[in-house]
């Protein structure tokens, strides 16, 4: 695909959790598209905090 610019500005259109991690579908204003993945083992641990009302 030919593009008139060398730097893409990616916008995430959607993300989906899978058993192996996160899959994201991104697009650029020029029409270029890509799929990005983040493996589960690279996720940082998250602490859950309960707030009292």
N, C-alpha and C. Protein backbone atom coordinates (compact mmCIF):
# COMPACT_ATOMS: atom_id res chain seq x y z
N UNK A 1 0.84 -1.17 0.00
CA UNK A 1 0.00 0.00 0.00
C UNK A 1 0.89 1.24 0.00
N UNK A 2 0.66 2.15 -0.92
CA UNK A 2 1.42 3.39 -1.00
C UNK A 2 0.81 4.44 -0.08
N UNK A 3 1.65 5.10 0.68
CA UNK A 3 1.19 6.20 1.53
C UNK A 3 2.02 7.43 1.25
N UNK A 4 1.46 8.60 1.45
CA UNK A 4 2.17 9.85 1.20
C UNK A 4 2.90 10.38 2.42
N UNK A 5 2.89 9.65 3.49
CA UNK A 5 3.61 10.08 4.69
C UNK A 5 4.42 8.91 5.23
N UNK A 6 5.42 9.22 6.05
CA UNK A 6 6.29 8.17 6.57
C UNK A 6 5.97 7.81 8.01
N UNK A 7 5.17 8.63 8.68
CA UNK A 7 4.81 8.37 10.06
C UNK A 7 3.30 8.20 10.16
N UNK A 8 2.87 7.04 10.61
CA UNK A 8 1.45 6.79 10.77
C UNK A 8 0.97 7.29 12.13
N UNK A 9 -0.25 7.73 12.18
CA UNK A 9 -0.91 8.06 13.44
C UNK A 9 -1.99 7.02 13.65
N UNK A 10 -1.74 6.08 14.57
CA UNK A 10 -2.63 4.94 14.74
C UNK A 10 -3.76 5.25 15.69
N UNK A 11 -4.95 4.84 15.32
CA UNK A 11 -6.14 4.92 16.17
C UNK A 11 -6.65 3.50 16.39
N UNK A 12 -6.88 3.15 17.64
CA UNK A 12 -7.38 1.81 17.96
C UNK A 12 -8.89 1.78 17.73
N UNK A 13 -9.32 0.88 16.84
CA UNK A 13 -10.74 0.74 16.53
C UNK A 13 -11.43 -0.25 17.47
N UNK A 14 -10.71 -1.30 17.87
CA UNK A 14 -11.28 -2.26 18.80
C UNK A 14 -10.18 -3.10 19.41
N UNK A 15 -10.47 -3.69 20.57
CA UNK A 15 -9.56 -4.63 21.23
C UNK A 15 -10.37 -5.82 21.71
N UNK A 16 -9.70 -6.95 21.79
CA UNK A 16 -10.36 -8.18 22.21
C UNK A 16 -9.40 -8.99 23.07
N UNK A 17 -9.89 -9.46 24.22
CA UNK A 17 -9.12 -10.37 25.06
C UNK A 17 -9.14 -11.76 24.45
N UNK A 18 -8.01 -12.41 24.46
CA UNK A 18 -7.92 -13.81 24.03
C UNK A 18 -7.22 -14.60 25.11
N UNK A 19 -7.16 -15.89 24.97
CA UNK A 19 -6.48 -16.73 25.97
C UNK A 19 -4.98 -16.46 25.99
N UNK A 20 -4.45 -15.88 24.93
CA UNK A 20 -3.01 -15.61 24.86
C UNK A 20 -2.65 -14.15 25.08
N UNK A 21 -3.66 -13.28 25.26
CA UNK A 21 -3.37 -11.88 25.48
C UNK A 21 -4.43 -10.97 24.88
N UNK A 22 -4.00 -9.78 24.51
CA UNK A 22 -4.89 -8.77 23.97
C UNK A 22 -4.59 -8.56 22.49
N UNK A 23 -5.62 -8.47 21.66
CA UNK A 23 -5.48 -8.21 20.24
C UNK A 23 -6.15 -6.87 19.96
N UNK A 24 -5.45 -5.99 19.25
CA UNK A 24 -6.01 -4.69 18.91
C UNK A 24 -5.99 -4.47 17.40
N UNK A 25 -7.04 -3.84 16.91
CA UNK A 25 -7.14 -3.50 15.49
C UNK A 25 -7.02 -1.99 15.35
N UNK A 26 -6.01 -1.54 14.59
CA UNK A 26 -5.74 -0.12 14.48
C UNK A 26 -5.74 0.32 13.02
N UNK A 27 -6.02 1.60 12.82
CA UNK A 27 -6.00 2.17 11.49
C UNK A 27 -5.40 3.56 11.50
N UNK A 28 -4.86 3.98 10.35
CA UNK A 28 -4.30 5.30 10.16
C UNK A 28 -5.21 6.08 9.23
N UNK A 29 -5.15 7.38 9.28
CA UNK A 29 -5.99 8.22 8.43
C UNK A 29 -5.72 8.00 6.95
N UNK A 30 -4.54 7.47 6.60
CA UNK A 30 -4.20 7.23 5.20
C UNK A 30 -4.84 5.95 4.66
N UNK A 31 -5.43 5.14 5.54
CA UNK A 31 -6.04 3.88 5.12
C UNK A 31 -5.24 2.65 5.52
N UNK A 32 -4.01 2.84 6.00
CA UNK A 32 -3.20 1.71 6.45
C UNK A 32 -3.85 1.11 7.69
N UNK A 33 -3.74 -0.20 7.83
CA UNK A 33 -4.29 -0.90 8.98
C UNK A 33 -3.26 -1.85 9.55
N UNK A 34 -3.38 -2.15 10.83
CA UNK A 34 -2.50 -3.14 11.46
C UNK A 34 -3.22 -3.81 12.61
N UNK A 35 -2.70 -4.97 12.96
CA UNK A 35 -3.18 -5.72 14.12
C UNK A 35 -2.01 -5.78 15.10
N UNK A 36 -2.27 -5.42 16.34
CA UNK A 36 -1.23 -5.47 17.36
C UNK A 36 -1.64 -6.48 18.43
N UNK A 37 -0.65 -7.10 19.04
CA UNK A 37 -0.91 -8.08 20.09
C UNK A 37 -0.06 -7.76 21.31
N UNK A 38 -0.62 -8.04 22.47
CA UNK A 38 0.10 -7.91 23.74
C UNK A 38 -0.06 -9.23 24.47
N UNK A 39 1.01 -10.03 24.58
CA UNK A 39 0.90 -11.31 25.27
C UNK A 39 0.53 -11.15 26.74
N UNK A 40 -0.26 -12.09 27.25
CA UNK A 40 -0.73 -12.05 28.63
C UNK A 40 0.43 -11.94 29.63
N UNK A 41 1.54 -12.62 29.38
CA UNK A 41 2.64 -12.63 30.35
C UNK A 41 3.33 -11.27 30.49
N UNK A 42 3.02 -10.30 29.62
CA UNK A 42 3.61 -8.97 29.75
C UNK A 42 2.71 -8.01 30.53
N UNK A 43 1.51 -8.45 30.91
CA UNK A 43 0.61 -7.60 31.68
C UNK A 43 1.18 -7.38 33.07
N UNK A 44 1.03 -6.20 33.58
CA UNK A 44 1.44 -5.89 34.95
C UNK A 44 0.35 -6.32 35.91
N UNK A 45 0.72 -6.77 37.09
CA UNK A 45 -0.30 -7.11 38.08
C UNK A 45 -1.08 -5.84 38.46
N UNK A 46 -2.35 -6.00 38.68
CA UNK A 46 -3.22 -4.87 39.04
C UNK A 46 -3.85 -5.16 40.39
N UNK A 47 -3.78 -4.19 41.27
CA UNK A 47 -4.42 -4.34 42.57
C UNK A 47 -5.84 -3.82 42.49
N UNK A 48 -6.75 -4.53 43.11
CA UNK A 48 -8.15 -4.11 43.14
C UNK A 48 -8.41 -3.49 44.50
N UNK A 49 -8.96 -2.28 44.50
CA UNK A 49 -9.21 -1.57 45.74
C UNK A 49 -10.71 -1.33 45.87
N UNK A 50 -11.24 -1.69 47.02
CA UNK A 50 -12.67 -1.45 47.27
C UNK A 50 -12.83 -0.10 47.95
N UNK A 51 -13.73 0.72 47.44
CA UNK A 51 -14.01 2.03 48.03
C UNK A 51 -15.37 1.97 48.74
N UNK A 52 -15.39 2.46 49.94
CA UNK A 52 -16.67 2.48 50.67
C UNK A 52 -17.41 3.75 50.33
N UNK A 53 -18.70 3.61 50.14
CA UNK A 53 -19.54 4.78 49.79
C UNK A 53 -19.88 5.60 51.00
